[in-house]
């Protein structure tokens, strides 16, 4: 059975945590595929809310 390397699991957990934090503050987050990893994991578009 194939296994996901531990380093990749940790990295994906970090990406998920950052995405959740940013989305909680109404930012738009787009994940970049890890297949061609050049050190960039997310695109983030800042948004402003009128409250």
Foldseek 3Di string as FASTA:
>chain_A
DDDDDPVVVVVVVVVVVVVVVQVVVVKDKDADDCPPDPPDGIDIHDDDDDD
